[in-house]
Amino acid sequence: ELPLACRVRLLRDGVEVRSVRADRLEHVVDRPGVYRVEAWVEVGGEERPWIFSNPIYVRGGPSTGAG
């Protein structure tokens, strides 16, 4: 969730998985990978980089609940 609407990109292993213009992004992860979120805000009619998240590591398969 972001304080204002902007272009939000979700990347997995460096490849864009989803892009929306909104103040939030929800996505169900369907496979492992290294994910990252970028937020680009429009200033003076031009998109500028605003937020770049740290890597989000998703590993393994579905949890069985055991453990």
PDB file of N, CA and C in Angstrom:
ATOM      1  N   GLU A   1       0.854  -1.171   0.000  1.00  0.00           N
ATOM      2  CA  GLU A   1       0.000   0.000   0.000  1.00  0.00           C
ATOM      3  C   GLU A   1       0.898   1.231   0.000  1.00  0.00           C
ATOM      4  N   LEU A   2       0.499   2.234  -0.801  1.00  0.00           N
ATOM      5  CA  LEU A   2       1.283   3.455  -0.957  1.00  0.00           C
ATOM      6  C   LEU A   2       0.453   4.679  -0.567  1.00  0.00           C
ATOM      7  N   PRO A   3       1.103   5.780  -0.210  1.00  0.00           N
ATOM      8  CA  PRO A   3       0.351   6.969   0.210  1.00  0.00           C
ATOM      9  C   PRO A   3      -0.348   7.699  -0.941  1.00  0.00           C
ATOM     10  N   LEU A   4       0.003   7.386  -2.197  1.00  0.00           N
ATOM     11  CA  LEU A   4      -0.671   7.992  -3.340  1.00  0.00           C
ATOM     12  C   LEU A   4      -0.616   7.054  -4.536  1.00  0.00           C
ATOM     13  N   ALA A   5      -1.516   7.269  -5.490  1.00  0.00           N
ATOM     14  CA  ALA A   5      -1.560   6.422  -6.682  1.00  0.00           C
ATOM     15  C   ALA A   5      -0.338   6.698  -7.553  1.00  0.00           C
ATOM     16  N   CYS A   6       0.235   5.637  -8.074  1.00  0.00           N
ATOM     17  CA  CYS A   6       1.393   5.733  -8.956  1.00  0.00           C
ATOM     18  C   CYS A   6       1.449   4.436  -9.763  1.00  0.00           C
ATOM     19  N   ARG A   7       2.457   4.282 -10.598  1.00  0.00           N
ATOM     20  CA  ARG A   7       2.620   3.014 -11.311  1.00  0.00           C
ATOM     21  C   ARG A   7       3.406   2.079 -10.402  1.00  0.00           C
ATOM     22  N   VAL A   8       2.821   0.941 -10.104  1.00  0.00           N
ATOM     23  CA  VAL A   8       3.443  -0.049  -9.229  1.00  0.00           C
ATOM     24  C   VAL A   8       3.770  -1.265 -10.084  1.00  0.00           C
ATOM     25  N   ARG A   9       5.027  -1.688 -10.035  1.00  0.00           N
ATOM     26  CA  ARG A   9       5.471  -2.850 -10.812  1.00  0.00           C
ATOM     27  C   ARG A   9       5.910  -3.950  -9.864  1.00  0.00           C
ATOM     28  N   LEU A  10       5.518  -5.179 -10.178  1.00  0.00           N
ATOM     29  CA  LEU A  10       5.997  -6.355  -9.458  1.00  0.00           C
ATOM     30  C   LEU A  10       6.874  -7.132 -10.417  1.00  0.00           C
ATOM     31  N   LEU A  11       8.097  -7.420  -9.978  1.00  0.00           N
ATOM     32  CA  LEU A  11       9.027  -8.181 -10.806  1.00  0.00           C
ATOM     33  C   LEU A  11       9.378  -9.493 -10.116  1.00  0.00           C
ATOM     34  N   ARG A  12       9.531 -10.542 -10.915  1.00  0.00           N
ATOM     35  CA  ARG A  12      10.012 -11.835 -10.417  1.00  0.00           C
ATOM     36  C   ARG A  12      11.236 -12.188 -11.242  1.00  0.00           C
ATOM     37  N   ASP A  13      12.351 -12.395 -10.580  1.00  0.00           N
ATOM     38  CA  ASP A  13      13.613 -12.712 -11.247  1.00  0.00           C
ATOM     39  C   ASP A  13      13.930 -11.700 -12.343  1.00  0.00           C
ATOM     40  N   GLY A  14      13.617 -10.417 -12.073  1.00  0.00           N
ATOM     41  CA  GLY A  14      13.944  -9.338 -12.993  1.00  0.00           C
ATOM     42  C   GLY A  14      12.967  -9.116 -14.128  1.00  0.00           C
ATOM     43  N   VAL A  15      11.910  -9.929 -14.197  1.00  0.00           N
ATOM     44  CA  VAL A  15      10.922  -9.824 -15.277  1.00  0.00           C
ATOM     45  C   VAL A  15       9.604  -9.325 -14.691  1.00  0.00           C
ATOM     46  N   GLU A  16       8.999  -8.337 -15.340  1.00  0.00           N
ATOM     47  CA  GLU A  16       7.735  -7.790 -14.847  1.00  0.00           C
ATOM     48  C   GLU A  16       6.632  -8.840 -14.879  1.00  0.00           C
ATOM     49  N   VAL A  17       5.984  -9.034 -13.734  1.00  0.00           N
ATOM     50  CA  VAL A  17       4.881  -9.972 -13.590  1.00  0.00           C
ATOM     51  C   VAL A  17       3.552  -9.226 -13.655  1.00  0.00           C
ATOM     52  N   ARG A  18       3.550  -8.017 -13.112  1.00  0.00           N
ATOM     53  CA  ARG A  18       2.317  -7.239 -13.045  1.00  0.00           C
ATOM     54  C   ARG A  18       2.663  -5.764 -12.923  1.00  0.00           C
ATOM     55  N   SER A  19       1.800  -4.926 -13.510  1.00  0.00           N
ATOM     56  CA  SER A  19       1.964  -3.481 -13.415  1.00  0.00           C
ATOM     57  C   SER A  19       0.575  -2.863 -13.329  1.00  0.00           C
ATOM     58  N   VAL A  20       0.379  -1.982 -12.348  1.00  0.00           N
ATOM     59  CA  VAL A  20      -0.906  -1.307 -12.176  1.00  0.00           C
ATOM     60  C   VAL A  20      -0.652   0.156 -11.832  1.00  0.00           C
ATOM     61  N   ARG A  21      -1.630   1.002 -12.146  1.00  0.00           N
ATOM     62  CA  ARG A  21      -1.596   2.385 -11.688  1.00  0.00           C
ATOM     63  C   ARG A  21      -2.609   2.458 -10.552  1.00  0.00           C
ATOM     64  N   ALA A  22      -2.110   2.509  -9.326  1.00  0.00           N
ATOM     65  CA  ALA A  22      -2.975   2.445  -8.143  1.00  0.00           C
ATOM     66  C   ALA A  22      -2.174   2.840  -6.914  1.00  0.00           C
ATOM     67  N   ASP A  23      -2.847   2.803  -5.756  1.00  0.00           N
ATOM     68  CA  ASP A  23      -2.141   3.080  -4.500  1.00  0.00           C
ATOM     69  C   ASP A  23      -1.874   1.802  -3.724  1.00  0.00           C
ATOM     70  N   ARG A  24      -2.131   0.653  -4.375  1.00  0.00           N
ATOM     71  CA  ARG A  24      -1.832  -0.637  -3.740  1.00  0.00           C
ATOM     72  C   ARG A  24      -1.737  -1.720  -4.802  1.00  0.00           C
ATOM     73  N   LEU A  25      -1.057  -2.791  -4.450  1.00  0.00           N
ATOM     74  CA  LEU A  25      -0.936  -3.943  -5.337  1.00  0.00           C
ATOM     75  C   LEU A  25      -1.044  -5.195  -4.497  1.00  0.00           C
ATOM     76  N   GLU A  26      -1.935  -6.071  -4.896  1.00  0.00           N
ATOM     77  CA  GLU A  26      -2.050  -7.386  -4.264  1.00  0.00           C
ATOM     78  C   GLU A  26      -1.828  -8.414  -5.351  1.00  0.00           C
ATOM     79  N   HIS A  27      -1.082  -9.461  -5.014  1.00  0.00           N
ATOM     80  CA  HIS A  27      -0.762 -10.489  -5.994  1.00  0.00           C
ATOM     81  C   HIS A  27      -0.584 -11.825  -5.274  1.00  0.00           C
ATOM     82  N   VAL A  28      -1.210 -12.852  -5.796  1.00  0.00           N
ATOM     83  CA  VAL A  28      -1.029 -14.202  -5.249  1.00  0.00           C
ATOM     84  C   VAL A  28       0.189 -14.808  -5.937  1.00  0.00           C
ATOM     85  N   VAL A  29       1.173 -15.165  -5.142  1.00  0.00           N
ATOM     86  CA  VAL A  29       2.407 -15.747  -5.669  1.00  0.00           C
ATOM     87  C   VAL A  29       2.140 -17.193  -6.045  1.00  0.00           C
ATOM     88  N   ASP A  30       2.447 -17.549  -7.295  1.00  0.00           N
ATOM     89  CA  ASP A  30       2.169 -18.906  -7.758  1.00  0.00           C
ATOM     90  C   ASP A  30       3.417 -19.755  -7.963  1.00  0.00           C
ATOM     91  N   ARG A  31       4.607 -19.153  -7.771  1.00  0.00           N
ATOM     92  CA  ARG A  31       5.840 -19.937  -7.888  1.00  0.00           C
ATOM     93  C   ARG A  31       7.000 -19.231  -7.199  1.00  0.00           C
ATOM     94  N   PRO A  32       8.025 -19.978  -6.857  1.00  0.00           N
ATOM     95  CA  PRO A  32       9.183 -19.400  -6.190  1.00  0.00           C
ATOM     96  C   PRO A  32       9.925 -18.419  -7.090  1.00  0.00           C
ATOM     97  N   GLY A  33      10.715 -17.573  -6.475  1.00  0.00           N
ATOM     98  CA  GLY A  33      11.546 -16.630  -7.214  1.00  0.00           C
ATOM     99  C   GLY A  33      11.972 -15.493  -6.320  1.00  0.00           C
ATOM    100  N   VAL A  34      12.710 -14.573  -6.893  1.00  0.00           N
ATOM    101  CA  VAL A  34      13.119 -13.376  -6.181  1.00  0.00           C
ATOM    102  C   VAL A  34      12.238 -12.241  -6.705  1.00  0.00           C
ATOM    103  N   TYR A  35      11.378 -11.739  -5.838  1.00  0.00           N
ATOM    104  CA  TYR A  35      10.415 -10.701  -6.200  1.00  0.00           C
ATOM    105  C   TYR A  35      10.910  -9.349  -5.730  1.00  0.00           C
ATOM    106  N   ARG A  36      10.443  -8.309  -6.404  1.00  0.00           N
ATOM    107  CA  ARG A  36      10.780  -6.943  -6.015  1.00  0.00           C
ATOM    108  C   ARG A  36       9.637  -6.046  -6.465  1.00  0.00           C
ATOM    109  N   VAL A  37       9.408  -4.972  -5.727  1.00  0.00           N
ATOM    110  CA  VAL A  37       8.357  -4.014  -6.065  1.00  0.00           C
ATOM    111  C   VAL A  37       9.003  -2.674  -6.384  1.00  0.00           C
ATOM    112  N   GLU A  38       8.515  -2.039  -7.443  1.00  0.00           N
ATOM    113  CA  GLU A  38       8.941  -0.692  -7.798  1.00  0.00           C
ATOM    114  C   GLU A  38       7.722   0.217  -7.831  1.00  0.00           C
ATOM    115  N   ALA A  39       7.890   1.459  -7.412  1.00  0.00           N
ATOM    116  CA  ALA A  39       6.833   2.468  -7.521  1.00  0.00           C
ATOM    117  C   ALA A  39       7.398   3.653  -8.293  1.00  0.00           C
ATOM    118  N   TRP A  40       6.656   4.071  -9.316  1.00  0.00           N
ATOM    119  CA  TRP A  40       7.052   5.193 -10.163  1.00  0.00           C
ATOM    120  C   TRP A  40       5.979   6.263 -10.061  1.00  0.00           C
ATOM    121  N   VAL A  41       6.361   7.476  -9.695  1.00  0.00           N
ATOM    122  CA  VAL A  41       5.418   8.574  -9.517  1.00  0.00           C
ATOM    123  C   VAL A  41       5.560   9.553 -10.690  1.00  0.00           C
ATOM    124  N   GLU A  42       4.432  10.152 -11.076  1.00  0.00           N
ATOM    125  CA  GLU A  42       4.468  11.121 -12.165  1.00  0.00           C
ATOM    126  C   GLU A  42       4.725  12.520 -11.611  1.00  0.00           C
ATOM    127  N   VAL A  43       5.750  13.179 -12.146  1.00  0.00           N
ATOM    128  CA  VAL A  43       6.117  14.536 -11.735  1.00  0.00           C
ATOM    129  C   VAL A  43       6.326  15.350 -13.015  1.00  0.00           C
ATOM    130  N   GLY A  44       5.550  16.397 -13.166  1.00  0.00           N
ATOM    131  CA  GLY A  44       5.695  17.244 -14.349  1.00  0.00           C
ATOM    132  C   GLY A  44       5.448  16.499 -15.647  1.00  0.00           C
ATOM    133  N   GLY A  45       4.519  15.530 -15.618  1.00  0.00           N
ATOM    134  CA  GLY A  45       4.192  14.770 -16.818  1.00  0.00           C
ATOM    135  C   GLY A  45       5.181  13.672 -17.159  1.00  0.00           C
ATOM    136  N   GLU A  46       6.108  13.413 -16.266  1.00  0.00           N
ATOM    137  CA  GLU A  46       7.141  12.409 -16.505  1.00  0.00           C
ATOM    138  C   GLU A  46       7.197  11.430 -15.341  1.00  0.00           C
ATOM    139  N   GLU A  47       7.296  10.121 -15.645  1.00  0.00           N
ATOM    140  CA  GLU A  47       7.426   9.127 -14.571  1.00  0.00           C
ATOM    141  C   GLU A  47       8.837   9.142 -14.014  1.00  0.00           C
ATOM    142  N   ARG A  48       8.893   9.153 -12.691  1.00  0.00           N
ATOM    143  CA  ARG A  48      10.196   9.147 -12.021  1.00  0.00           C
ATOM    144  C   ARG A  48      10.230   8.021 -10.995  1.00  0.00           C
ATOM    145  N   PRO A  49      11.381   7.388 -10.837  1.00  0.00           N
ATOM    146  CA  PRO A  49      11.490   6.319  -9.841  1.00  0.00           C
ATOM    147  C   PRO A  49      11.306   6.877  -8.441  1.00  0.00           C
ATOM    148  N   TRP A  50      10.568   6.136  -7.620  1.00  0.00           N
ATOM    149  CA  TRP A  50      10.271   6.605  -6.266  1.00  0.00           C
ATOM    150  C   TRP A  50      10.701   5.574  -5.233  1.00  0.00           C
ATOM    151  N   ILE A  51      10.202   4.343  -5.354  1.00  0.00           N
ATOM    152  CA  ILE A  51      10.487   3.307  -4.361  1.00  0.00           C
ATOM    153  C   ILE A  51      10.964   2.051  -5.074  1.00  0.00           C
ATOM    154  N   PHE A  52      12.034   1.456  -4.560  1.00  0.00           N
ATOM    155  CA  PHE A  52      12.524   0.160  -5.016  1.00  0.00           C
ATOM    156  C   PHE A  52      12.683  -0.707  -3.773  1.00  0.00           C
ATOM    157  N   SER A  53      11.897  -1.765  -3.679  1.00  0.00           N
ATOM    158  CA  SER A  53      11.960  -2.611  -2.482  1.00  0.00           C
ATOM    159  C   SER A  53      13.221  -3.467  -2.479  1.00  0.00           C
ATOM    160  N   ASN A  54      13.536  -3.968  -1.305  1.00  0.00           N
ATOM    161  CA  ASN A  54      14.556  -5.003  -1.199  1.00  0.00           C
ATOM    162  C   ASN A  54      14.005  -6.273  -1.820  1.00  0.00           C
ATOM    163  N   PRO A  55      14.861  -7.234  -2.126  1.00  0.00           N
ATOM    164  CA  PRO A  55      14.360  -8.499  -2.674  1.00  0.00           C
ATOM    165  C   PRO A  55      13.441  -9.209  -1.681  1.00  0.00           C
ATOM    166  N   ILE A  56      12.446  -9.865  -2.217  1.00  0.00           N
ATOM    167  CA  ILE A  56      11.515 -10.681  -1.434  1.00  0.00           C
ATOM    168  C   ILE A  56      11.710 -12.109  -1.940  1.00  0.00           C
ATOM    169  N   TYR A  57      12.316 -12.960  -1.135  1.00  0.00           N
ATOM    170  CA  TYR A  57      12.651 -14.319  -1.564  1.00  0.00           C
ATOM    171  C   TYR A  57      11.487 -15.261  -1.267  1.00  0.00           C
ATOM    172  N   VAL A  58      10.979 -15.905  -2.296  1.00  0.00           N
ATOM    173  CA  VAL A  58       9.924 -16.907  -2.143  1.00  0.00           C
ATOM    174  C   VAL A  58      10.536 -18.223  -2.581  1.00  0.00           C
ATOM    175  N   ARG A  59      10.590 -19.176  -1.644  1.00  0.00           N
ATOM    176  CA  ARG A  59      11.248 -20.459  -1.921  1.00  0.00           C
ATOM    177  C   ARG A  59      10.297 -21.607  -1.682  1.00  0.00           C
ATOM    178  N   GLY A  60      10.601 -22.745  -2.304  1.00  0.00           N
ATOM    179  CA  GLY A  60       9.881 -23.989  -2.050  1.00  0.00           C
ATOM    180  C   GLY A  60       8.484 -24.014  -2.634  1.00  0.00           C
ATOM    181  N   GLY A  61       7.800 -25.111  -2.327  1.00  0.00           N
ATOM    182  CA  GLY A  61       6.452 -25.317  -2.809  1.00  0.00           C
ATOM    183  C   GLY A  61       5.429 -24.944  -1.740  1.00  0.00           C
ATOM    184  N   PRO A  62       4.205 -25.337  -1.963  1.00  0.00           N
ATOM    185  CA  PRO A  62       3.141 -25.047  -0.982  1.00  0.00           C
ATOM    186  C   PRO A  62       3.418 -25.696   0.363  1.00  0.00           C
ATOM    187  N   SER A  63       3.041 -25.006   1.405  1.00  0.00           N
ATOM    188  CA  SER A  63       3.208 -25.517   2.761  1.00  0.00           C
ATOM    189  C   SER A  63       2.173 -26.591   3.050  1.00  0.00           C
ATOM    190  N   THR A  64       2.589 -27.636   3.749  1.00  0.00           N
ATOM    191  CA  THR A  64       1.661 -28.707   4.120  1.00  0.00           C
ATOM    192  C   THR A  64       1.047 -28.437   5.480  1.00  0.00           C
ATOM    193  N   GLY A  65       1.553 -27.442   6.175  1.00  0.00           N
ATOM    194  CA  GLY A  65       1.057 -27.147   7.521  1.00  0.00           C
ATOM    195  C   GLY A  65       1.715 -27.979   8.587  1.00  0.00           C
ATOM    196  N   ALA A  66       2.500 -28.984   8.194  1.00  0.00           N
ATOM    197  CA  ALA A  66       3.194 -29.829   9.173  1.00  0.00           C
ATOM    198  C   ALA A  66       4.522 -29.179   9.536  1.00  0.00           C
ATOM    199  N   GLY A  67       4.989 -29.421  10.709  1.00  0.00           N
ATOM    200  CA  GLY A  67       6.314 -28.932  10.981  1.00  0.00           C
ATOM    201  C   GLY A  67       6.485 -28.503  12.335  1.00  0.00           C
TER     202      GLY A  67
END
